[in-house]
Amino acid sequence: MLRYLVDPANAISTAGLLCSSIALYFAVAGHIELAVGAALWAVLADHLDGVVARRTRNRSPDMAKMGKNLDGFGDIIYGAILPAIVLVQLNGASVVSFFVATALLLAGAIRLSYFASFGKSDDGRFFGVPLSYDIPLIAALFLVQPIMPATTFLPAVNVVFVVLSAAHVASVRVPSPNRAMYLAITLFAVAASMILVQRGTV
């Protein structure tokens, strides 16, 4: 089965899983900024593997099938499991964090199951907000944390992710990223990861 990882797109998906594993380790160890910094590279891998897959000529159906499932597992790890762990860690494993993390995990699993079954809408849009928004949003919250009152950061994080959990399974249509969006995501992820890793190692 490892031969399927020779495929360029599948290799990128695997690299994203490795970044997710590093992020999970840091999150469980309590190094949240390092975790989010590593997870941003999993987001980049998730966006890049699809681009590479579409541009790979004569890609075998078996490679594509393996890649689809590999990508789905990567999505649930960095898009739902990791943010849930981060939320629990930030809240000190409070009762509030249990409900927010549970909502996020359930919404993530439901959304990915729906997408795997039915795909995008006829106009090429996603149903519900994709899980790839979660980590960049956490990163953005951490970047603005220094200018926020200390008492408002955690409540803001919890409220944002309750709303995001609902948005994952809401009947809204979200456009697929275009080139400008891919460029913006890439620049943000690289810059934000550098800042968060620098903060996390000080």
N, C-alpha and C. Protein backbone atom coordinates (compact mmCIF):
# COMPACT_ATOMS: atom_id res chain seq x y z
N MET A 1 0.82 -1.22 0.00
CA MET A 1 0.00 0.00 0.00
C MET A 1 0.85 1.27 0.00
N LEU A 2 2.10 1.15 0.45
CA LEU A 2 2.97 2.33 0.49
C LEU A 2 3.32 2.83 -0.91
N ARG A 3 3.17 1.98 -1.92
CA ARG A 3 3.50 2.40 -3.28
C ARG A 3 2.57 3.51 -3.76
N TYR A 4 1.39 3.63 -3.15
CA TYR A 4 0.46 4.69 -3.54
C TYR A 4 0.95 6.06 -3.09
N LEU A 5 1.92 6.09 -2.20
CA LEU A 5 2.45 7.36 -1.72
C LEU A 5 3.50 7.94 -2.65
N VAL A 6 3.88 7.16 -3.68
CA VAL A 6 4.83 7.66 -4.67
C VAL A 6 4.17 8.74 -5.53
N ASP A 7 2.88 8.64 -5.69
CA ASP A 7 2.12 9.65 -6.43
C ASP A 7 2.37 11.03 -5.82
N PRO A 8 2.70 12.05 -6.63
CA PRO A 8 3.05 13.38 -6.09
C PRO A 8 1.99 13.97 -5.17
N ALA A 9 0.73 13.90 -5.58
CA ALA A 9 -0.34 14.47 -4.76
C ALA A 9 -0.49 13.71 -3.44
N ASN A 10 -0.40 12.39 -3.51
CA ASN A 10 -0.52 11.58 -2.30
C ASN A 10 0.67 11.80 -1.36
N ALA A 11 1.85 12.03 -1.94
CA ALA A 11 3.03 12.33 -1.12
C ALA A 11 2.84 13.65 -0.37
N ILE A 12 2.22 14.63 -1.04
CA ILE A 12 1.96 15.91 -0.38
C ILE A 12 0.93 15.73 0.74
N SER A 13 -0.10 14.93 0.49
CA SER A 13 -1.09 14.63 1.53
C SER A 13 -0.44 13.98 2.74
N THR A 14 0.51 13.07 2.47
CA THR A 14 1.23 12.40 3.56
C THR A 14 2.08 13.39 4.34
N ALA A 15 2.72 14.32 3.63
CA ALA A 15 3.50 15.36 4.31
C ALA A 15 2.59 16.21 5.20
N GLY A 16 1.37 16.48 4.72
CA GLY A 16 0.41 17.21 5.53
C GLY A 16 0.03 16.45 6.79
N LEU A 17 -0.11 15.12 6.67
CA LEU A 17 -0.41 14.29 7.84
C LEU A 17 0.74 14.33 8.84
N LEU A 18 1.96 14.36 8.33
CA LEU A 18 3.12 14.47 9.21
C LEU A 18 3.08 15.79 9.97
N CYS A 19 2.75 16.88 9.28
CA CYS A 19 2.62 18.18 9.95
C CYS A 19 1.52 18.14 11.00
N SER A 20 0.42 17.46 10.69
CA SER A 20 -0.66 17.33 11.66
C SER A 20 -0.21 16.54 12.88
N SER A 21 0.60 15.50 12.66
CA SER A 21 1.11 14.71 13.78
C SER A 21 2.00 15.55 14.69
N ILE A 22 2.86 16.37 14.07
CA ILE A 22 3.71 17.27 14.85
C ILE A 22 2.86 18.25 15.63
N ALA A 23 1.83 18.78 14.97
CA ALA A 23 0.93 19.74 15.62
C ALA A 23 0.20 19.09 16.80
N LEU A 24 -0.26 17.86 16.62
CA LEU A 24 -0.94 17.16 17.71
C LEU A 24 -0.02 16.96 18.90
N TYR A 25 1.22 16.62 18.63
CA TYR A 25 2.19 16.44 19.72
C TYR A 25 2.36 17.73 20.51
N PHE A 26 2.55 18.84 19.80
CA PHE A 26 2.73 20.12 20.49
C PHE A 26 1.47 20.53 21.25
N ALA A 27 0.31 20.26 20.66
CA ALA A 27 -0.94 20.63 21.32
C ALA A 27 -1.13 19.85 22.62
N VAL A 28 -0.89 18.55 22.58
CA VAL A 28 -1.04 17.73 23.78
C VAL A 28 0.00 18.12 24.82
N ALA A 29 1.19 18.54 24.36
CA ALA A 29 2.25 18.95 25.28
C ALA A 29 2.03 20.36 25.84
N GLY A 30 0.99 21.03 25.34
CA GLY A 30 0.67 22.35 25.85
C GLY A 30 1.34 23.50 25.14
N HIS A 31 2.04 23.22 24.03
CA HIS A 31 2.70 24.27 23.25
C HIS A 31 1.76 24.68 22.10
N ILE A 32 0.75 25.45 22.42
CA ILE A 32 -0.34 25.70 21.49
C ILE A 32 0.11 26.50 20.27
N GLU A 33 0.94 27.51 20.49
CA GLU A 33 1.37 28.33 19.35
C GLU A 33 2.20 27.51 18.37
N LEU A 34 3.06 26.63 18.89
CA LEU A 34 3.82 25.75 18.01
C LEU A 34 2.90 24.79 17.27
N ALA A 35 1.87 24.32 17.96
CA ALA A 35 0.91 23.41 17.34
C ALA A 35 0.20 24.07 16.17
N VAL A 36 -0.27 25.29 16.38
CA VAL A 36 -0.97 26.00 15.32
C VAL A 36 -0.01 26.34 14.18
N GLY A 37 1.22 26.70 14.51
CA GLY A 37 2.21 26.98 13.48
C GLY A 37 2.46 25.78 12.59
N ALA A 38 2.57 24.59 13.19
CA ALA A 38 2.78 23.38 12.39
C ALA A 38 1.54 23.02 11.59
N ALA A 39 0.37 23.23 12.20
CA ALA A 39 -0.88 22.88 11.52
C ALA A 39 -1.13 23.73 10.28
N LEU A 40 -0.62 24.95 10.27
CA LEU A 40 -0.78 25.79 9.09
C LEU A 40 -0.12 25.16 7.85
N TRP A 41 0.94 24.41 8.08
CA TRP A 41 1.59 23.71 6.95
C TRP A 41 0.75 22.52 6.48
N ALA A 42 -0.03 21.94 7.39
CA ALA A 42 -0.97 20.90 6.98
C ALA A 42 -2.06 21.49 6.10
N VAL A 43 -2.48 22.72 6.43
CA VAL A 43 -3.46 23.42 5.59
C VAL A 43 -2.90 23.66 4.19
N LEU A 44 -1.66 24.11 4.13
CA LEU A 44 -1.02 24.34 2.82
C LEU A 44 -0.93 23.05 2.01
N ALA A 45 -0.56 21.98 2.68
CA ALA A 45 -0.48 20.68 1.98
C ALA A 45 -1.84 20.27 1.45
N ASP A 46 -2.89 20.54 2.23
CA ASP A 46 -4.24 20.17 1.82
C ASP A 46 -4.67 20.93 0.57
N HIS A 47 -4.29 22.19 0.48
CA HIS A 47 -4.62 22.97 -0.71
C HIS A 47 -3.75 22.55 -1.90
N LEU A 48 -2.48 22.25 -1.64
CA LEU A 48 -1.56 21.94 -2.72
C LEU A 48 -1.80 20.57 -3.33
N ASP A 49 -2.19 19.59 -2.53
CA ASP A 49 -2.34 18.24 -3.09
C ASP A 49 -3.43 18.18 -4.15
N GLY A 50 -4.50 18.97 -3.96
CA GLY A 50 -5.55 18.99 -4.97
C GLY A 50 -5.08 19.62 -6.27
N VAL A 51 -4.30 20.68 -6.17
CA VAL A 51 -3.76 21.34 -7.36
C VAL A 51 -2.85 20.38 -8.12
N VAL A 52 -1.98 19.70 -7.38
CA VAL A 52 -1.04 18.76 -8.02
C VAL A 52 -1.80 17.58 -8.64
N ALA A 53 -2.82 17.10 -7.93
CA ALA A 53 -3.60 15.97 -8.45
C ALA A 53 -4.25 16.32 -9.79
N ARG A 54 -4.80 17.53 -9.89
CA ARG A 54 -5.47 17.94 -11.13
C ARG A 54 -4.49 18.12 -12.27
N ARG A 55 -3.24 18.42 -11.95
CA ARG A 55 -2.25 18.67 -13.00
C ARG A 55 -1.38 17.46 -13.32
N THR A 56 -1.59 16.36 -12.59
CA THR A 56 -0.81 15.15 -12.86
C THR A 56 -1.44 14.40 -14.02
N ARG A 57 -0.69 14.25 -15.09
CA ARG A 57 -1.21 13.58 -16.28
C ARG A 57 -1.23 12.07 -16.10
N ASN A 58 -2.24 11.46 -16.70
CA ASN A 58 -2.37 9.99 -16.71
C ASN A 58 -2.32 9.41 -15.30
N ARG A 59 -2.92 10.11 -14.38
CA ARG A 59 -2.98 9.61 -13.00
C ARG A 59 -3.96 8.44 -12.93
N SER A 60 -3.52 7.34 -12.36
CA SER A 60 -4.36 6.14 -12.35
C SER A 60 -5.54 6.32 -11.40
N PRO A 61 -6.68 5.68 -11.70
CA PRO A 61 -7.85 5.76 -10.83
C PRO A 61 -7.56 5.26 -9.40
N ASP A 62 -6.69 4.25 -9.29
CA ASP A 62 -6.35 3.73 -7.97
C ASP A 62 -5.60 4.77 -7.14
N MET A 63 -4.69 5.49 -7.78
CA MET A 63 -3.97 6.56 -7.09
C MET A 63 -4.94 7.64 -6.62
N ALA A 64 -5.89 7.98 -7.49
CA ALA A 64 -6.88 9.01 -7.17
C ALA A 64 -7.78 8.56 -6.02
N LYS A 65 -8.17 7.29 -6.03
CA LYS A 65 -9.03 6.77 -4.97
C LYS A 65 -8.31 6.79 -3.62
N MET A 66 -7.06 6.36 -3.64
CA MET A 66 -6.24 6.40 -2.42
C MET A 66 -6.07 7.84 -1.94
N GLY A 67 -5.81 8.73 -2.88
CA GLY A 67 -5.61 10.13 -2.53
C GLY A 67 -6.84 10.76 -1.92
N LYS A 68 -8.01 10.43 -2.43
CA LYS A 68 -9.25 10.98 -1.91
C LYS A 68 -9.46 10.60 -0.45
N ASN A 69 -9.21 9.33 -0.14
CA ASN A 69 -9.38 8.87 1.25
C ASN A 69 -8.31 9.43 2.16
N LEU A 70 -7.07 9.49 1.65
CA LEU A 70 -5.97 10.04 2.43
C LEU A 70 -6.24 11.51 2.76
N ASP A 71 -6.74 12.23 1.78
CA ASP A 71 -7.05 13.64 1.97
C ASP A 71 -8.17 13.82 3.00
N GLY A 72 -9.16 12.93 2.96
CA GLY A 72 -10.27 13.01 3.91
C GLY A 72 -9.82 12.80 5.35
N PHE A 73 -8.92 11.83 5.56
CA PHE A 73 -8.40 11.60 6.91
C PHE A 73 -7.57 12.79 7.38
N GLY A 74 -6.80 13.37 6.45
CA GLY A 74 -6.03 14.56 6.81
C GLY A 74 -6.92 15.71 7.23
N ASP A 75 -8.04 15.87 6.51
CA ASP A 75 -8.98 16.95 6.83
C ASP A 75 -9.55 16.82 8.23
N ILE A 76 -9.97 15.63 8.60
CA ILE A 76 -10.59 15.45 9.92
C ILE A 76 -9.56 15.64 11.04
N ILE A 77 -8.29 15.30 10.77
CA ILE A 77 -7.27 15.44 11.82
C ILE A 77 -6.92 16.90 12.05
N TYR A 78 -6.52 17.61 10.97
CA TYR A 78 -6.10 19.00 11.18
C TYR A 78 -7.29 19.96 11.26
N GLY A 79 -8.44 19.57 10.67
CA GLY A 79 -9.56 20.47 10.63
C GLY A 79 -10.54 20.36 11.78
N ALA A 80 -10.51 19.23 12.50
CA ALA A 80 -11.47 19.05 13.60
C ALA A 80 -10.81 18.54 14.88
N ILE A 81 -10.04 17.45 14.78
CA ILE A 81 -9.44 16.86 15.98
C ILE A 81 -8.44 17.82 16.62
N LEU A 82 -7.54 18.36 15.81
CA LEU A 82 -6.54 19.27 16.35
C LEU A 82 -7.16 20.54 16.95
N PRO A 83 -8.07 21.23 16.24
CA PRO A 83 -8.70 22.40 16.87
C PRO A 83 -9.44 22.05 18.16
N ALA A 84 -10.05 20.87 18.21
CA ALA A 84 -10.76 20.46 19.42
C ALA A 84 -9.78 20.32 20.59
N ILE A 85 -8.63 19.72 20.34
CA ILE A 85 -7.61 19.58 21.39
C ILE A 85 -7.10 20.95 21.83
N VAL A 86 -6.89 21.83 20.86
CA VAL A 86 -6.43 23.18 21.18
C VAL A 86 -7.45 23.89 22.07
N LEU A 87 -8.73 23.76 21.74
CA LEU A 87 -9.79 24.39 22.53
C LEU A 87 -9.81 23.85 23.97
N VAL A 88 -9.67 22.54 24.10
CA VAL A 88 -9.65 21.93 25.44
C VAL A 88 -8.45 22.43 26.24
N GLN A 89 -7.29 22.49 25.58
CA GLN A 89 -6.08 22.96 26.26
C GLN A 89 -6.20 24.43 26.67
N LEU A 90 -6.70 25.26 25.78
CA LEU A 90 -6.83 26.68 26.09
C LEU A 90 -7.76 26.92 27.27
N ASN A 91 -8.82 26.11 27.35
CA ASN A 91 -9.82 26.28 28.41
C ASN A 91 -9.53 25.48 29.66
N GLY A 92 -8.36 24.82 29.71
CA GLY A 92 -8.04 24.03 30.89
C GLY A 92 -8.97 22.86 31.10
N ALA A 93 -9.41 22.24 30.01
CA ALA A 93 -10.32 21.09 30.06
C ALA A 93 -11.59 21.40 30.86
N SER A 94 -12.13 22.59 30.65
CA SER A 94 -13.36 22.99 31.34
C SER A 94 -14.57 22.32 30.70
N VAL A 95 -15.71 22.42 31.37
CA VAL A 95 -16.95 21.87 30.83
C VAL A 95 -17.33 22.58 29.53
N VAL A 96 -17.08 23.88 29.49
CA VAL A 96 -17.37 24.65 28.27
C VAL A 96 -16.58 24.09 27.09
N SER A 97 -15.30 23.82 27.33
CA SER A 97 -14.46 23.31 26.24
C SER A 97 -14.92 21.94 25.76
N PHE A 98 -15.49 21.14 26.68
CA PHE A 98 -16.01 19.83 26.29
C PHE A 98 -17.13 19.99 25.26
N PHE A 99 -18.05 20.89 25.53
CA PHE A 99 -19.18 21.08 24.62
C PHE A 99 -18.75 21.72 23.30
N VAL A 100 -17.85 22.69 23.37
CA VAL A 100 -17.39 23.34 22.13
C VAL A 100 -16.60 22.35 21.27
N ALA A 101 -15.69 21.60 21.90
CA ALA A 101 -14.88 20.63 21.16
C ALA A 101 -15.75 19.53 20.57
N THR A 102 -16.75 19.08 21.33
CA THR A 102 -17.65 18.03 20.85
C THR A 102 -18.46 18.53 19.65
N ALA A 103 -18.94 19.76 19.74
CA ALA A 103 -19.69 20.34 18.62
C ALA A 103 -18.82 20.42 17.37
N LEU A 104 -17.57 20.81 17.56
CA LEU A 104 -16.65 20.95 16.42
C LEU A 104 -16.36 19.59 15.79
N LEU A 105 -16.12 18.57 16.62
CA LEU A 105 -15.83 17.24 16.09
C LEU A 105 -17.03 16.65 15.34
N LEU A 106 -18.22 16.79 15.92
CA LEU A 106 -19.42 16.26 15.27
C LEU A 106 -19.69 16.99 13.96
N ALA A 107 -19.58 18.31 13.99
CA ALA A 107 -19.81 19.08 12.77
C ALA A 107 -18.80 18.72 11.69
N GLY A 108 -17.54 18.54 12.10
CA GLY A 108 -16.51 18.18 11.14
C GLY A 108 -16.76 16.83 10.49
N ALA A 109 -17.13 15.85 11.31
CA ALA A 109 -17.39 14.50 10.78
C ALA A 109 -18.60 14.50 9.86
N ILE A 110 -19.66 15.23 10.25
CA ILE A 110 -20.86 15.29 9.42
C ILE A 110 -20.57 15.97 8.09
N ARG A 111 -19.84 17.08 8.16
CA ARG A 111 -19.55 17.81 6.93
C ARG A 111 -18.69 17.00 5.96
N LEU A 112 -17.66 16.35 6.49
CA LEU A 112 -16.80 15.56 5.61
C LEU A 112 -17.53 14.35 5.05
N SER A 113 -18.41 13.75 5.83
CA SER A 113 -19.21 12.62 5.34
C SER A 113 -20.14 13.07 4.20
N TYR A 114 -20.74 14.25 4.38
CA TYR A 114 -21.62 14.78 3.33
C TYR A 114 -20.82 15.07 2.07
N PHE A 115 -19.66 15.69 2.23
CA PHE A 115 -18.83 16.04 1.07
C PHE A 115 -18.35 14.78 0.35
N ALA A 116 -17.94 13.76 1.12
CA ALA A 116 -17.47 12.51 0.50
C ALA A 116 -18.59 11.82 -0.26
N SER A 117 -19.83 12.00 0.19
CA SER A 117 -20.97 11.33 -0.45
C SER A 117 -21.51 12.10 -1.65
N PHE A 118 -21.56 13.43 -1.53
CA PHE A 118 -22.25 14.23 -2.55
C PHE A 118 -21.37 15.25 -3.25
N GLY A 119 -20.19 15.54 -2.71
CA GLY A 119 -19.29 16.48 -3.35
C GLY A 119 -19.80 17.91 -3.31
N LYS A 120 -19.34 18.71 -4.28
CA LYS A 120 -19.73 20.11 -4.35
C LYS A 120 -21.10 20.26 -5.02
N SER A 121 -21.64 21.46 -4.94
CA SER A 121 -22.90 21.75 -5.61
C SER A 121 -22.66 21.83 -7.12
N ASP A 122 -23.74 21.97 -7.87
CA ASP A 122 -23.64 22.00 -9.33
C ASP A 122 -22.83 23.19 -9.84
N ASP A 123 -22.80 24.27 -9.06
CA ASP A 123 -22.04 25.44 -9.48
C ASP A 123 -20.61 25.44 -8.96
N GLY A 124 -20.16 24.29 -8.43
CA GLY A 124 -18.77 24.15 -7.98
C GLY A 124 -18.49 24.71 -6.61
N ARG A 125 -19.53 25.02 -5.84
CA ARG A 125 -19.33 25.56 -4.50
C ARG A 125 -19.46 24.47 -3.45
N PHE A 126 -18.87 24.75 -2.28
CA PHE A 126 -18.98 23.83 -1.15
C PHE A 126 -20.29 24.07 -0.42
N PHE A 127 -20.89 23.00 0.09
CA PHE A 127 -22.01 23.12 1.02
C PHE A 127 -21.42 23.17 2.43
N GLY A 128 -21.67 24.26 3.14
CA GLY A 128 -21.09 24.42 4.47
C GLY A 128 -19.67 24.95 4.38
N VAL A 129 -19.22 25.56 5.46
CA VAL A 129 -17.87 26.11 5.50
C VAL A 129 -16.85 24.96 5.64
N PRO A 130 -15.87 24.88 4.75
CA PRO A 130 -14.88 23.79 4.81
C PRO A 130 -14.07 23.81 6.12
N LEU A 131 -13.59 22.66 6.53
CA LEU A 131 -12.80 22.55 7.75
C LEU A 131 -11.44 23.24 7.62
N SER A 132 -11.02 23.51 6.41
CA SER A 132 -9.72 24.16 6.20
C SER A 132 -9.70 25.60 6.72
N TYR A 133 -10.87 26.13 7.11
CA TYR A 133 -10.92 27.48 7.67
C TYR A 133 -10.54 27.50 9.16
N ASP A 134 -10.60 26.36 9.83
CA ASP A 134 -10.47 26.33 11.29
C ASP A 134 -9.08 26.77 11.78
N ILE A 135 -8.05 26.15 11.24
CA ILE A 135 -6.69 26.46 11.71
C ILE A 135 -6.29 27.89 11.37
N PRO A 136 -6.51 28.38 10.15
CA PRO A 136 -6.19 29.80 9.89
C PRO A 136 -6.93 30.75 10.82
N LEU A 137 -8.16 30.39 11.20
CA LEU A 137 -8.92 31.23 12.11
C LEU A 137 -8.32 31.23 13.51
N ILE A 138 -7.90 30.05 13.98
CA ILE A 138 -7.21 29.98 15.28
C ILE A 138 -5.93 30.80 15.23
N ALA A 139 -5.19 30.67 14.13
CA ALA A 139 -3.94 31.43 13.98
C ALA A 139 -4.21 32.92 14.02
N ALA A 140 -5.26 33.38 13.34
CA ALA A 140 -5.61 34.80 13.34
C ALA A 140 -5.95 35.28 14.75
N LEU A 141 -6.67 34.45 15.50
CA LEU A 141 -7.02 34.81 16.88
C LEU A 141 -5.77 34.93 17.76
N PHE A 142 -4.81 34.02 17.56
CA PHE A 142 -3.57 34.10 18.32
C PHE A 142 -2.75 35.33 17.93
N LEU A 143 -2.79 35.69 16.67
CA LEU A 143 -2.03 36.85 16.23
C LEU A 143 -2.56 38.15 16.84
N VAL A 144 -3.87 38.22 17.05
CA VAL A 144 -4.44 39.44 17.63
C VAL A 144 -4.55 39.36 19.15
N GLN A 145 -4.21 38.22 19.72
CA GLN A 145 -4.32 38.06 21.18
C GLN A 145 -3.59 39.14 21.97
N PRO A 146 -2.35 39.53 21.56
CA PRO A 146 -1.64 40.55 22.35
C PRO A 146 -2.36 41.89 22.47
N ILE A 147 -3.25 42.20 21.53
CA ILE A 147 -3.95 43.48 21.60
C ILE A 147 -5.37 43.33 22.16
N MET A 148 -5.71 42.11 22.57
CA MET A 148 -7.02 41.88 23.17
C MET A 148 -6.92 41.88 24.68
N PRO A 149 -7.96 42.35 25.38
CA PRO A 149 -7.97 42.21 26.84
C PRO A 149 -7.88 40.74 27.23
N ALA A 150 -7.10 40.44 28.24
CA ALA A 150 -6.87 39.04 28.64
C ALA A 150 -8.17 38.31 28.96
N THR A 151 -9.15 39.03 29.47
CA THR A 151 -10.41 38.39 29.88
C THR A 151 -11.34 38.09 28.71
N THR A 152 -11.04 38.61 27.55
CA THR A 152 -11.94 38.40 26.41
C THR A 152 -11.45 37.37 25.41
N PHE A 153 -10.18 36.99 25.49
CA PHE A 153 -9.63 36.09 24.48
C PHE A 153 -10.33 34.73 24.47
N LEU A 154 -10.37 34.05 25.61
CA LEU A 154 -10.98 32.72 25.65
C LEU A 154 -12.46 32.74 25.31
N PRO A 155 -13.26 33.66 25.88
CA PRO A 155 -14.67 33.72 25.47
C PRO A 155 -14.83 33.95 23.98
N ALA A 156 -13.96 34.80 23.41
CA ALA A 156 -14.04 35.07 21.97
C ALA A 156 -13.74 33.81 21.17
N VAL A 157 -12.72 33.07 21.57
CA VAL A 157 -12.37 31.82 20.89
C VAL A 157 -13.53 30.84 20.94
N ASN A 158 -14.12 30.68 22.11
CA ASN A 158 -15.23 29.73 22.26
C ASN A 158 -16.44 30.12 21.42
N VAL A 159 -16.78 31.39 21.43
CA VAL A 159 -17.93 31.86 20.64
C VAL A 159 -17.66 31.67 19.16
N VAL A 160 -16.47 32.04 18.72
CA VAL A 160 -16.13 31.90 17.30
C VAL A 160 -16.25 30.46 16.84
N PHE A 161 -15.82 29.51 17.68
CA PHE A 161 -15.85 28.12 17.24
C PHE A 161 -17.21 27.45 17.41
N VAL A 162 -18.03 27.98 18.26
CA VAL A 162 -19.42 27.53 18.28
C VAL A 162 -20.11 27.95 16.99
N VAL A 163 -19.89 29.20 16.60
CA VAL A 163 -20.47 29.70 15.34
C VAL A 163 -19.90 28.93 14.15
N LEU A 164 -18.59 28.67 14.16
CA LEU A 164 -17.96 27.95 13.06
C LEU A 164 -18.47 26.51 12.97
N SER A 165 -18.70 25.88 14.11
CA SER A 165 -19.25 24.52 14.10
C SER A 165 -20.60 24.50 13.40
N ALA A 166 -21.42 25.48 13.70
CA ALA A 166 -22.73 25.57 13.04
C ALA A 166 -22.57 25.85 11.56
N ALA A 167 -21.58 26.68 11.20
CA ALA A 167 -21.36 27.03 9.80
C ALA A 167 -20.88 25.84 8.98
N HIS A 168 -20.18 24.90 9.62
CA HIS A 168 -19.70 23.71 8.91
C HIS A 168 -20.87 22.89 8.34
N VAL A 169 -21.97 22.87 9.06
CA VAL A 169 -23.10 22.03 8.63
C VAL A 169 -24.30 22.85 8.17
N ALA A 170 -24.10 24.16 8.01
CA ALA A 170 -25.18 25.03 7.58
C ALA A 170 -25.40 24.92 6.07
N SER A 171 -26.59 25.28 5.63
CA SER A 171 -26.92 25.23 4.20
C SER A 171 -26.46 26.51 3.52
N VAL A 172 -25.16 26.74 3.58
CA VAL A 172 -24.58 27.90 2.90
C VAL A 172 -23.62 27.38 1.84
N ARG A 173 -23.46 28.16 0.79
CA ARG A 173 -22.57 27.75 -0.29
C ARG A 173 -21.33 28.64 -0.28
N VAL A 174 -20.19 28.00 -0.21
CA VAL A 174 -18.91 28.70 -0.11
C VAL A 174 -18.12 28.47 -1.40
N PRO A 175 -17.67 29.55 -2.05
CA PRO A 175 -16.93 29.38 -3.31
C PRO A 175 -15.63 28.61 -3.11
N SER A 176 -15.25 27.84 -4.10
CA SER A 176 -13.95 27.19 -4.09
C SER A 176 -12.86 28.26 -4.22
N PRO A 177 -11.70 28.05 -3.60
CA PRO A 177 -10.63 29.05 -3.69
C PRO A 177 -10.16 29.24 -5.14
N ASN A 178 -9.95 30.50 -5.52
CA ASN A 178 -9.35 30.79 -6.82
C ASN A 178 -7.86 31.06 -6.62
N ARG A 179 -7.17 31.47 -7.67
CA ARG A 179 -5.72 31.66 -7.57
C ARG A 179 -5.36 32.73 -6.54
N ALA A 180 -6.13 33.82 -6.54
CA ALA A 180 -5.86 34.90 -5.60
C ALA A 180 -6.03 34.43 -4.16
N MET A 181 -7.06 33.61 -3.92
CA MET A 181 -7.30 33.09 -2.57
C MET A 181 -6.19 32.12 -2.17
N TYR A 182 -5.77 31.28 -3.11
CA TYR A 182 -4.67 30.35 -2.81
C TYR A 182 -3.41 31.12 -2.44
N LEU A 183 -3.13 32.18 -3.17
CA LEU A 183 -1.95 32.99 -2.88
C LEU A 183 -2.07 33.65 -1.51
N ALA A 184 -3.25 34.19 -1.20
CA ALA A 184 -3.46 34.84 0.09
C ALA A 184 -3.33 33.83 1.24
N ILE A 185 -3.90 32.65 1.05
CA ILE A 185 -3.81 31.60 2.08
C ILE A 185 -2.36 31.20 2.31
N THR A 186 -1.62 31.04 1.20
CA THR A 186 -0.22 30.64 1.31
C THR A 186 0.61 31.68 2.05
N LEU A 187 0.45 32.93 1.66
CA LEU A 187 1.22 34.01 2.29
C LEU A 187 0.86 34.13 3.77
N PHE A 188 -0.43 34.04 4.08
CA PHE A 188 -0.84 34.13 5.48
C PHE A 188 -0.29 32.96 6.29
N ALA A 189 -0.42 31.74 5.75
CA ALA A 189 0.02 30.55 6.48
C ALA A 189 1.52 30.60 6.77
N VAL A 190 2.31 30.99 5.77
CA VAL A 190 3.76 31.05 5.96
C VAL A 190 4.13 32.12 6.98
N ALA A 191 3.56 33.31 6.82
CA ALA A 191 3.88 34.42 7.74
C ALA A 191 3.40 34.12 9.16
N ALA A 192 2.17 33.63 9.27
CA ALA A 192 1.60 33.35 10.60
C ALA A 192 2.37 32.24 11.30
N SER A 193 2.75 31.20 10.55
CA SER A 193 3.48 30.09 11.18
C SER A 193 4.84 30.56 11.70
N MET A 194 5.49 31.44 10.95
CA MET A 194 6.79 31.95 11.39
C MET A 194 6.65 32.76 12.68
N ILE A 195 5.61 33.60 12.73
CA ILE A 195 5.38 34.41 13.93
C ILE A 195 5.04 33.53 15.14
N LEU A 196 4.15 32.56 14.93
CA LEU A 196 3.72 31.70 16.04
C LEU A 196 4.85 30.80 16.54
N VAL A 197 5.64 30.29 15.62
CA VAL A 197 6.76 29.44 16.03
C VAL A 197 7.79 30.28 16.81
N GLN A 198 8.02 31.50 16.35
CA GLN A 198 8.95 32.38 17.06
C GLN A 198 8.44 32.67 18.47
N ARG A 199 7.15 32.93 18.60
CA ARG A 199 6.57 33.17 19.93
C ARG A 199 6.66 31.93 20.80
N GLY A 200 6.39 30.78 20.18
CA GLY A 200 6.34 29.55 20.95
C GLY A 200 7.69 29.06 21.43
N THR A 201 8.76 29.54 20.81
CA THR A 201 10.10 29.10 21.19
C THR A 201 10.83 30.12 22.07
N VAL A 202 10.19 31.25 22.33
CA VAL A 202 10.83 32.26 23.19
C VAL A 202 10.74 31.83 24.65
